[in-house]
Amino acid sequence: MDPGEYDVCTYCGKSIFPDVAECPYCHKYTDGKGPHGLNAGEPRRLAWYYVLAGWVLLLLMLLPFVLQLWAWLK
């Protein structure tokens, strides 16, 4: 094989065609991107609905304390 015609998978070390995103042997992404298009060094971001659900749960947990404080200040 001519080295200019093939690339080497960084995970399994087998020869693959150039510009192939997923290795046909080990099924790992060789272009530095995962199945969701994230770069390898980039952390995954939370979806907006997880953040919203977290805020709603936090407010629901604080609600009894706020109501008790409000009753105490009256």
C-alpha atoms as a PDB file:
ATOM      1  CA  MET A   1       0.000   0.000   0.000  1.00  0.00           C
ATOM      2  CA  ASP A   2       1.221   3.461  -0.849  1.00  0.00           C
ATOM      3  CA  PRO A   3       1.247   5.699   2.289  1.00  0.00           C
ATOM      4  CA  GLY A   4      -0.288   8.535   0.269  1.00  0.00           C
ATOM      5  CA  GLU A   5      -3.353   6.478  -0.586  1.00  0.00           C
ATOM      6  CA  TYR A   6      -4.269   5.301   2.900  1.00  0.00           C
ATOM      7  CA  ASP A   7      -4.501   6.726   6.389  1.00  0.00           C
ATOM      8  CA  VAL A   8      -4.025   4.836   9.627  1.00  0.00           C
ATOM      9  CA  CYS A   9      -6.807   4.607  12.210  1.00  0.00           C
ATOM     10  CA  THR A  10      -5.620   6.233  15.425  1.00  0.00           C
ATOM     11  CA  TYR A  11      -7.523   3.661  17.502  1.00  0.00           C
ATOM     12  CA  CYS A  12      -6.855   0.256  15.922  1.00  0.00           C
ATOM     13  CA  GLY A  13      -3.913   1.082  13.648  1.00  0.00           C
ATOM     14  CA  LYS A  14      -5.387  -0.481  10.503  1.00  0.00           C
ATOM     15  CA  SER A  15      -5.132   1.142   7.089  1.00  0.00           C
ATOM     16  CA  ILE A  16      -8.258   2.991   6.011  1.00  0.00           C
ATOM     17  CA  PHE A  17      -9.188   5.194   3.085  1.00  0.00           C
ATOM     18  CA  PRO A  18      -8.413   8.903   3.531  1.00  0.00           C
ATOM     19  CA  ASP A  19     -11.167  11.235   4.735  1.00  0.00           C
ATOM     20  CA  VAL A  20     -13.196   8.397   6.285  1.00  0.00           C
ATOM     21  CA  ALA A  21     -15.001   9.628   9.393  1.00  0.00           C
ATOM     22  CA  GLU A  22     -15.653   6.210  10.977  1.00  0.00           C
ATOM     23  CA  CYS A  23     -13.180   3.328  10.891  1.00  0.00           C
ATOM     24  CA  PRO A  24     -14.819   0.299   9.247  1.00  0.00           C
ATOM     25  CA  TYR A  25     -12.911  -2.070  11.557  1.00  0.00           C
ATOM     26  CA  CYS A  26     -13.243  -0.637  15.077  1.00  0.00           C
ATOM     27  CA  HIS A  27     -16.143   1.781  14.362  1.00  0.00           C
ATOM     28  CA  LYS A  28     -14.409   4.675  16.142  1.00  0.00           C
ATOM     29  CA  TYR A  29     -14.526   8.176  14.686  1.00  0.00           C
ATOM     30  CA  THR A  30     -11.169   9.070  13.172  1.00  0.00           C
ATOM     31  CA  ASP A  31     -11.847  12.718  12.301  1.00  0.00           C
ATOM     32  CA  GLY A  32     -11.832  13.904  15.920  1.00  0.00           C
ATOM     33  CA  LYS A  33     -15.612  14.064  16.051  1.00  0.00           C
ATOM     34  CA  GLY A  34     -18.034  11.771  17.750  1.00  0.00           C
ATOM     35  CA  PRO A  35     -21.480  10.707  16.637  1.00  0.00           C
ATOM     36  CA  HIS A  36     -22.933  14.078  17.660  1.00  0.00           C
ATOM     37  CA  GLY A  37     -20.346  16.171  15.832  1.00  0.00           C
ATOM     38  CA  LEU A  38     -18.470  17.271  18.953  1.00  0.00           C
ATOM     39  CA  ASN A  39     -14.741  17.800  18.832  1.00  0.00           C
ATOM     40  CA  ALA A  40     -12.748  15.330  20.882  1.00  0.00           C
ATOM     41  CA  GLY A  41     -11.416  17.928  23.341  1.00  0.00           C
ATOM     42  CA  GLU A  42     -14.692  19.777  23.680  1.00  0.00           C
ATOM     43  CA  PRO A  43     -16.937  19.021  26.669  1.00  0.00           C
ATOM     44  CA  ARG A  44     -20.527  18.107  25.943  1.00  0.00           C
ATOM     45  CA  ARG A  45     -23.091  20.802  26.661  1.00  0.00           C
ATOM     46  CA  LEU A  46     -26.287  20.132  28.540  1.00  0.00           C
ATOM     47  CA  ALA A  47     -29.507  20.454  26.628  1.00  0.00           C
ATOM     48  CA  TRP A  48     -31.621  23.480  27.544  1.00  0.00           C
ATOM     49  CA  TYR A  49     -34.417  21.332  28.978  1.00  0.00           C
ATOM     50  CA  TYR A  50     -32.039  19.721  31.491  1.00  0.00           C
ATOM     51  CA  VAL A  51     -30.989  23.167  32.684  1.00  0.00           C
ATOM     52  CA  LEU A  52     -34.621  24.271  32.911  1.00  0.00           C
ATOM     53  CA  ALA A  53     -35.588  21.122  34.814  1.00  0.00           C
ATOM     54  CA  GLY A  54     -32.711  21.727  37.243  1.00  0.00           C
ATOM     55  CA  TRP A  55     -33.881  25.272  37.958  1.00  0.00           C
ATOM     56  CA  VAL A  56     -37.489  24.140  38.437  1.00  0.00           C
ATOM     57  CA  LEU A  57     -36.404  21.426  40.878  1.00  0.00           C
ATOM     58  CA  LEU A  58     -34.223  23.872  42.780  1.00  0.00           C
ATOM     59  CA  LEU A  59     -37.088  26.352  43.096  1.00  0.00           C
ATOM     60  CA  LEU A  60     -39.470  23.615  44.226  1.00  0.00           C
ATOM     61  CA  MET A  61     -36.988  22.520  46.889  1.00  0.00           C
ATOM     62  CA  LEU A  62     -36.580  26.108  48.140  1.00  0.00           C
ATOM     63  CA  LEU A  63     -40.306  26.874  48.103  1.00  0.00           C
ATOM     64  CA  PRO A  64     -41.072  25.556  51.653  1.00  0.00           C
ATOM     65  CA  PHE A  65     -38.231  27.638  53.119  1.00  0.00           C
ATOM     66  CA  VAL A  66     -39.378  30.768  51.297  1.00  0.00           C
ATOM     67  CA  LEU A  67     -42.987  30.262  52.417  1.00  0.00           C
ATOM     68  CA  GLN A  68     -41.887  29.698  56.024  1.00  0.00           C
ATOM     69  CA  LEU A  69     -39.704  32.804  55.948  1.00  0.00           C
ATOM     70  CA  TRP A  70     -42.556  34.835  54.483  1.00  0.00           C
ATOM     71  CA  ALA A  71     -44.930  33.611  57.213  1.00  0.00           C
ATOM     72  CA  TRP A  72     -42.356  34.403  59.883  1.00  0.00           C
ATOM     73  CA  LEU A  73     -41.803  37.952  58.607  1.00  0.00           C
ATOM     74  CA  LYS A  74     -45.510  38.799  58.642  1.00  0.00           C
END
